[in-house]
Amino acid sequence: MAGKFELKKAKDGQFMFNLKATNGQVILTSELYKTKASAENGIESIKKNSAREGAFEVKSNAKGEPYFILKATNGQEIGRSEYYSSKGAMENGIESVKKNAPEAKIVDLTA
């Protein structure tokens, strides 16, 4: 069973989505998009790029907590993870995106 993309409206009326693993945990969050069509294109980009070698950039926040950014081929950020407690947990998050994103269904919560 694959995860799912939940497409929703942000408070300011823009659109965004979360990729959730099969257990319901959020494993990737998008940027804000001005239109629903742009957000849907973002989902397709994540499906495509999640399997691409070198698409994930590993970073740490000011507290040293690791996280990752998924980038498109043009280098643009298309999604980022939450902060993890350890490098191993973050690596599991990357594997979860690789496993869940390509086949994930889109659940439209904007209506």
C-alpha atoms as a PDB file:
ATOM      1  CA  MET A   1       0.000   0.000   0.000  1.00  0.00           C
ATOM      2  CA  ALA A   2       1.344   3.428  -0.928  1.00  0.00           C
ATOM      3  CA  GLY A   3       1.042   6.680   0.947  1.00  0.00           C
ATOM      4  CA  LYS A   4      -1.063   9.629  -0.137  1.00  0.00           C
ATOM      5  CA  PHE A   5      -0.798  13.284  -1.028  1.00  0.00           C
ATOM      6  CA  GLU A   6      -3.276  15.476   0.834  1.00  0.00           C
ATOM      7  CA  LEU A   7      -3.949  18.617  -1.199  1.00  0.00           C
ATOM      8  CA  LYS A   8      -5.424  21.461   0.832  1.00  0.00           C
ATOM      9  CA  LYS A   9      -5.897  25.192   1.106  1.00  0.00           C
ATOM     10  CA  ALA A  10      -3.640  27.180   3.418  1.00  0.00           C
ATOM     11  CA  LYS A  11      -5.077  29.890   5.685  1.00  0.00           C
ATOM     12  CA  ASP A  12      -4.238  32.622   3.146  1.00  0.00           C
ATOM     13  CA  GLY A  13      -6.108  30.874   0.317  1.00  0.00           C
ATOM     14  CA  GLN A  14      -3.031  29.448  -1.353  1.00  0.00           C
ATOM     15  CA  PHE A  15      -2.624  25.713  -1.928  1.00  0.00           C
ATOM     16  CA  MET A  16      -0.216  23.196  -0.414  1.00  0.00           C
ATOM     17  CA  PHE A  17       0.077  19.476   0.161  1.00  0.00           C
ATOM     18  CA  ASN A  18       1.552  16.900   2.489  1.00  0.00           C
ATOM     19  CA  LEU A  19       2.844  13.488   1.510  1.00  0.00           C
ATOM     20  CA  LYS A  20       1.799  11.009   4.178  1.00  0.00           C
ATOM     21  CA  ALA A  21       3.193   7.520   4.702  1.00  0.00           C
ATOM     22  CA  THR A  22       0.856   4.544   5.000  1.00  0.00           C
ATOM     23  CA  ASN A  23       0.861   5.042   8.803  1.00  0.00           C
ATOM     24  CA  GLY A  24      -0.510   8.591   8.366  1.00  0.00           C
ATOM     25  CA  GLN A  25       2.727  10.346   9.317  1.00  0.00           C
ATOM     26  CA  VAL A  26       3.625  13.454   7.287  1.00  0.00           C
ATOM     27  CA  ILE A  27       6.922  12.764   5.504  1.00  0.00           C
ATOM     28  CA  LEU A  28       7.074  15.759   3.147  1.00  0.00           C
ATOM     29  CA  THR A  29       5.432  19.195   3.023  1.00  0.00           C
ATOM     30  CA  SER A  30       5.206  21.419  -0.032  1.00  0.00           C
ATOM     31  CA  GLU A  31       5.754  25.114  -0.499  1.00  0.00           C
ATOM     32  CA  LEU A  32       2.685  27.338  -0.941  1.00  0.00           C
ATOM     33  CA  TYR A  33       1.229  27.598  -4.431  1.00  0.00           C
ATOM     34  CA  LYS A  34      -0.991  30.389  -5.773  1.00  0.00           C
ATOM     35  CA  THR A  35      -3.189  27.985  -7.772  1.00  0.00           C
ATOM     36  CA  LYS A  36      -4.490  24.463  -7.333  1.00  0.00           C
ATOM     37  CA  ALA A  37      -3.059  23.523 -10.757  1.00  0.00           C
ATOM     38  CA  SER A  38       0.418  24.626  -9.627  1.00  0.00           C
ATOM     39  CA  ALA A  39       0.120  22.485  -6.494  1.00  0.00           C
ATOM     40  CA  GLU A  40      -0.955  19.504  -8.609  1.00  0.00           C
ATOM     41  CA  ASN A  41       2.101  20.072 -10.821  1.00  0.00           C
ATOM     42  CA  GLY A  42       4.189  20.093  -7.631  1.00  0.00           C
ATOM     43  CA  ILE A  43       2.794  16.680  -6.684  1.00  0.00           C
ATOM     44  CA  GLU A  44       3.690  15.299 -10.119  1.00  0.00           C
ATOM     45  CA  SER A  45       7.184  16.746  -9.753  1.00  0.00           C
ATOM     46  CA  ILE A  46       7.625  15.011  -6.395  1.00  0.00           C
ATOM     47  CA  LYS A  47       6.440  11.704  -7.857  1.00  0.00           C
ATOM     48  CA  LYS A  48       8.995  12.068 -10.658  1.00  0.00           C
ATOM     49  CA  ASN A  49      11.934  13.420  -8.650  1.00  0.00           C
ATOM     50  CA  SER A  50      11.618  11.183  -5.568  1.00  0.00           C
ATOM     51  CA  ALA A  51      13.390   8.378  -7.444  1.00  0.00           C
ATOM     52  CA  ARG A  52      16.055  10.619  -8.992  1.00  0.00           C
ATOM     53  CA  GLU A  53      19.625  10.222  -7.757  1.00  0.00           C
ATOM     54  CA  GLY A  54      20.800  13.408  -6.050  1.00  0.00           C
ATOM     55  CA  ALA A  55      17.296  14.879  -5.638  1.00  0.00           C
ATOM     56  CA  PHE A  56      17.498  14.939  -1.823  1.00  0.00           C
ATOM     57  CA  GLU A  57      19.572  17.583  -0.057  1.00  0.00           C
ATOM     58  CA  VAL A  58      20.373  16.861   3.586  1.00  0.00           C
ATOM     59  CA  LYS A  59      20.522  19.809   5.994  1.00  0.00           C
ATOM     60  CA  SER A  60      20.387  20.643   9.713  1.00  0.00           C
ATOM     61  CA  ASN A  61      18.540  23.413  11.509  1.00  0.00           C
ATOM     62  CA  ALA A  62      20.106  25.745  14.087  1.00  0.00           C
ATOM     63  CA  LYS A  63      19.555  23.110  16.817  1.00  0.00           C
ATOM     64  CA  GLY A  64      21.427  20.515  14.751  1.00  0.00           C
ATOM     65  CA  GLU A  65      18.264  18.552  13.952  1.00  0.00           C
ATOM     66  CA  PRO A  66      18.563  16.918  10.500  1.00  0.00           C
ATOM     67  CA  TYR A  67      15.991  17.374   7.738  1.00  0.00           C
ATOM     68  CA  PHE A  68      15.889  17.039   3.971  1.00  0.00           C
ATOM     69  CA  ILE A  69      14.768  19.012   0.959  1.00  0.00           C
ATOM     70  CA  LEU A  70      13.569  17.400  -2.269  1.00  0.00           C
ATOM     71  CA  LYS A  71      14.628  19.393  -5.313  1.00  0.00           C
ATOM     72  CA  ALA A  72      13.517  19.359  -8.941  1.00  0.00           C
ATOM     73  CA  THR A  73      16.075  18.954 -11.729  1.00  0.00           C
ATOM     74  CA  ASN A  74      16.293  22.769 -11.985  1.00  0.00           C
ATOM     75  CA  GLY A  75      17.368  22.951  -8.318  1.00  0.00           C
ATOM     76  CA  GLN A  76      14.062  24.398  -7.110  1.00  0.00           C
ATOM     77  CA  GLU A  77      12.763  23.126  -3.773  1.00  0.00           C
ATOM     78  CA  ILE A  78       9.561  21.134  -4.192  1.00  0.00           C
ATOM     79  CA  GLY A  79       9.171  19.735  -0.691  1.00  0.00           C
ATOM     80  CA  ARG A  80      10.823  19.449   2.683  1.00  0.00           C
ATOM     81  CA  SER A  81      10.667  17.159   5.664  1.00  0.00           C
ATOM     82  CA  GLU A  82      10.020  17.875   9.280  1.00  0.00           C
ATOM     83  CA  TYR A  83      12.956  17.977  11.699  1.00  0.00           C
ATOM     84  CA  TYR A  84      14.229  14.598  12.862  1.00  0.00           C
ATOM     85  CA  SER A  85      15.795  13.499  16.130  1.00  0.00           C
ATOM     86  CA  SER A  86      18.655  11.696  14.405  1.00  0.00           C
ATOM     87  CA  LYS A  87      20.390  11.242  11.052  1.00  0.00           C
ATOM     88  CA  GLY A  88      19.139   7.638  10.921  1.00  0.00           C
ATOM     89  CA  ALA A  89      15.521   8.739  11.412  1.00  0.00           C
ATOM     90  CA  MET A  90      15.959  11.325   8.641  1.00  0.00           C
ATOM     91  CA  GLU A  91      17.424   8.698   6.280  1.00  0.00           C
ATOM     92  CA  ASN A  92      14.374   6.534   6.997  1.00  0.00           C
ATOM     93  CA  GLY A  93      12.234   9.554   6.049  1.00  0.00           C
ATOM     94  CA  ILE A  94      14.008   9.864   2.692  1.00  0.00           C
ATOM     95  CA  GLU A  95      13.479   6.150   2.036  1.00  0.00           C
ATOM     96  CA  SER A  96       9.815   6.554   2.952  1.00  0.00           C
ATOM     97  CA  VAL A  97       9.402   9.371   0.392  1.00  0.00           C
ATOM     98  CA  LYS A  98      11.142   7.259  -2.270  1.00  0.00           C
ATOM     99  CA  LYS A  99       8.841   4.330  -1.479  1.00  0.00           C
ATOM    100  CA  ASN A 100       5.543   6.215  -1.050  1.00  0.00           C
ATOM    101  CA  ALA A 101       5.622   9.140  -3.494  1.00  0.00           C
ATOM    102  CA  PRO A 102       5.621   7.408  -6.919  1.00  0.00           C
ATOM    103  CA  GLU A 103       2.366   5.498  -6.346  1.00  0.00           C
ATOM    104  CA  ALA A 104       0.686   7.826  -3.835  1.00  0.00           C
ATOM    105  CA  LYS A 105      -2.934   8.753  -4.505  1.00  0.00           C
ATOM    106  CA  ILE A 106      -4.037  12.374  -4.355  1.00  0.00           C
ATOM    107  CA  VAL A 107      -6.701  13.189  -1.777  1.00  0.00           C
ATOM    108  CA  ASP A 108      -8.250  16.579  -2.588  1.00  0.00           C
ATOM    109  CA  LEU A 109      -9.300  18.358   0.620  1.00  0.00           C
ATOM    110  CA  THR A 110      -9.821  21.749  -1.045  1.00  0.00           C
ATOM    111  CA  ALA A 111     -13.545  21.347  -1.739  1.00  0.00           C
END
